[in-house]
């Protein structure tokens, strides 16, 4: 499958008092990359809500931390679809800097309707 790659700079707001990326902020970087990946594929989440009444919600996430990111690092963030089911998909992501792996993330995302009930993924995923 296609692996999407983008970069984000670590700002002061992303770090703790010691200048190290706060652990929960890796999830923010991963979310941005997933959204940018979908945009690259022509999937606009605002349009999906307005036109089809569906949204993507995170059902489960697993993160493994390998090394600390620091203030001013340029983070490389990848995203790829590892598995597609009828109503969900699993994405694998890696965050690194200078070739050094910082964090690995697996996220299961479910497609839901306005009533927050699981619904079939849009045809673009087939």
Protein backbone atom coordinates (compact mmCIF):
# COMPACT_ATOMS: atom_id res chain seq x y z
CA UNK A 1 0.00 0.00 0.00
CA UNK A 2 0.94 3.61 -0.49
CA UNK A 3 2.84 5.25 2.38
CA UNK A 4 2.15 8.95 2.82
CA UNK A 5 4.92 11.07 4.33
CA UNK A 6 4.87 14.62 5.65
CA UNK A 7 6.89 16.74 8.09
CA UNK A 8 6.03 18.92 11.05
CA UNK A 9 8.27 21.11 13.21
CA UNK A 10 8.22 20.67 17.01
CA UNK A 11 7.16 23.95 18.59
CA UNK A 12 7.50 25.04 22.19
CA UNK A 13 3.80 24.28 22.77
CA UNK A 14 4.47 20.63 21.83
CA UNK A 15 7.01 20.09 24.60
CA UNK A 16 7.19 19.72 28.35
CA UNK A 17 9.32 21.89 30.63
CA UNK A 18 12.45 20.00 29.57
CA UNK A 19 11.96 20.67 25.86
CA UNK A 20 10.92 17.06 25.14
CA UNK A 21 7.81 16.32 23.07
CA UNK A 22 4.96 15.57 25.47
CA UNK A 23 3.87 11.97 24.86
CA UNK A 24 0.23 12.77 23.97
CA UNK A 25 1.32 15.24 21.29
CA UNK A 26 2.58 12.40 19.11
CA UNK A 27 -1.10 11.54 18.65
CA UNK A 28 -1.71 15.08 17.37
CA UNK A 29 1.09 14.76 14.81
CA UNK A 30 -0.32 11.39 13.75
CA UNK A 31 -3.85 12.82 13.40
CA UNK A 32 -2.59 15.64 11.18
CA UNK A 33 -0.77 13.18 8.95
CA UNK A 34 -3.84 10.92 8.65
CA UNK A 35 -5.96 13.91 7.65
CA UNK A 36 -3.35 15.08 5.12
CA UNK A 37 -3.13 11.54 3.75
CA UNK A 38 -6.89 11.44 3.17
CA UNK A 39 -6.77 14.86 1.50
CA UNK A 40 -4.06 13.61 -0.86
CA UNK A 41 -6.40 10.72 -1.75
CA UNK A 42 -9.20 13.21 -2.52
CA UNK A 43 -11.16 12.53 0.66
CA UNK A 44 -12.45 15.72 2.27
CA UNK A 45 -13.85 14.90 5.70
CA UNK A 46 -15.99 18.05 5.82
CA UNK A 47 -17.67 17.02 2.56
CA UNK A 48 -18.28 13.49 3.85
CA UNK A 49 -20.17 14.90 6.82
CA UNK A 50 -22.15 17.41 4.77
CA UNK A 51 -22.94 15.20 1.78
CA UNK A 52 -23.06 11.65 3.17
CA UNK A 53 -23.55 12.20 6.89
CA UNK A 54 -20.55 10.09 7.85
CA UNK A 55 -17.50 10.73 9.97
CA UNK A 56 -14.40 8.82 11.02
CA UNK A 57 -13.86 8.19 14.72
CA UNK A 58 -10.89 6.63 16.48
CA UNK A 59 -11.90 3.32 18.04
CA UNK A 60 -8.49 2.18 19.31
CA UNK A 61 -4.95 3.46 19.32
CA UNK A 62 -1.68 1.84 20.35
CA UNK A 63 1.51 3.86 20.63
CA UNK A 64 5.04 2.70 21.31
CA UNK A 65 7.62 5.31 22.23
CA UNK A 66 11.20 4.61 21.15
CA UNK A 67 13.10 7.87 21.71
CA UNK A 68 12.32 11.47 22.66
CA UNK A 69 11.60 14.22 20.16
CA UNK A 70 12.85 17.67 21.11
CA UNK A 71 12.08 21.33 20.59
CA UNK A 72 12.79 22.44 16.98
CA UNK A 73 13.12 18.87 15.63
CA UNK A 74 11.68 18.34 12.17
CA UNK A 75 9.47 15.28 12.51
CA UNK A 76 8.84 12.98 9.57
CA UNK A 77 5.42 11.37 9.95
CA UNK A 78 4.22 8.48 7.79
CA UNK A 79 0.75 7.03 7.38
CA UNK A 80 -0.39 3.94 5.54
CA UNK A 81 -3.50 1.79 5.54
CA UNK A 82 -2.69 -1.63 6.96
CA UNK A 83 -6.19 -3.15 6.86
CA UNK A 84 -9.59 -2.27 5.42
CA UNK A 85 -12.83 -3.85 6.63
CA UNK A 86 -16.47 -2.99 5.84
CA UNK A 87 -16.82 -0.22 8.42
CA UNK A 88 -13.27 0.36 9.62
CA UNK A 89 -9.66 0.69 8.66
CA UNK A 90 -6.40 0.36 10.54
CA UNK A 91 -3.58 2.77 9.88
CA UNK A 92 0.08 2.29 10.75
CA UNK A 93 2.19 5.35 11.41
CA UNK A 94 5.76 6.15 12.31
CA UNK A 95 7.22 9.39 13.62
CA UNK A 96 10.95 9.95 13.26
CA UNK A 97 13.55 12.69 13.10
CA UNK A 98 16.84 12.50 11.25
CA UNK A 99 16.19 8.83 10.50
CA UNK A 100 15.73 7.99 14.20
CA UNK A 101 12.38 6.36 15.05
CA UNK A 102 10.60 8.16 17.88
CA UNK A 103 7.13 6.63 17.93
CA UNK A 104 5.10 3.89 16.22
CA UNK A 105 1.31 4.19 16.21
CA UNK A 106 -1.48 1.86 15.12
CA UNK A 107 -4.97 3.39 14.91
CA UNK A 108 -8.28 1.68 14.18
CA UNK A 109 -10.73 4.14 12.68
CA UNK A 110 -14.45 3.41 12.33
CA UNK A 111 -16.82 5.07 9.88
CA UNK A 112 -20.05 6.13 11.63
CA UNK A 113 -23.29 7.86 10.60
CA UNK A 114 -25.00 10.83 12.26
CA UNK A 115 -26.39 8.52 14.95
CA UNK A 116 -22.84 7.35 15.70
CA UNK A 117 -23.61 3.86 14.40
CA UNK A 118 -20.97 2.04 12.33
CA UNK A 119 -21.61 2.35 8.61
CA UNK A 120 -19.91 1.17 5.43
CA UNK A 121 -16.74 3.00 4.42
CA UNK A 122 -17.04 5.25 1.35
CA UNK A 123 -16.40 3.55 -2.00
CA UNK A 124 -13.05 5.34 -2.38
CA UNK A 125 -11.58 2.78 0.05
CA UNK A 126 -12.60 -0.18 -2.10
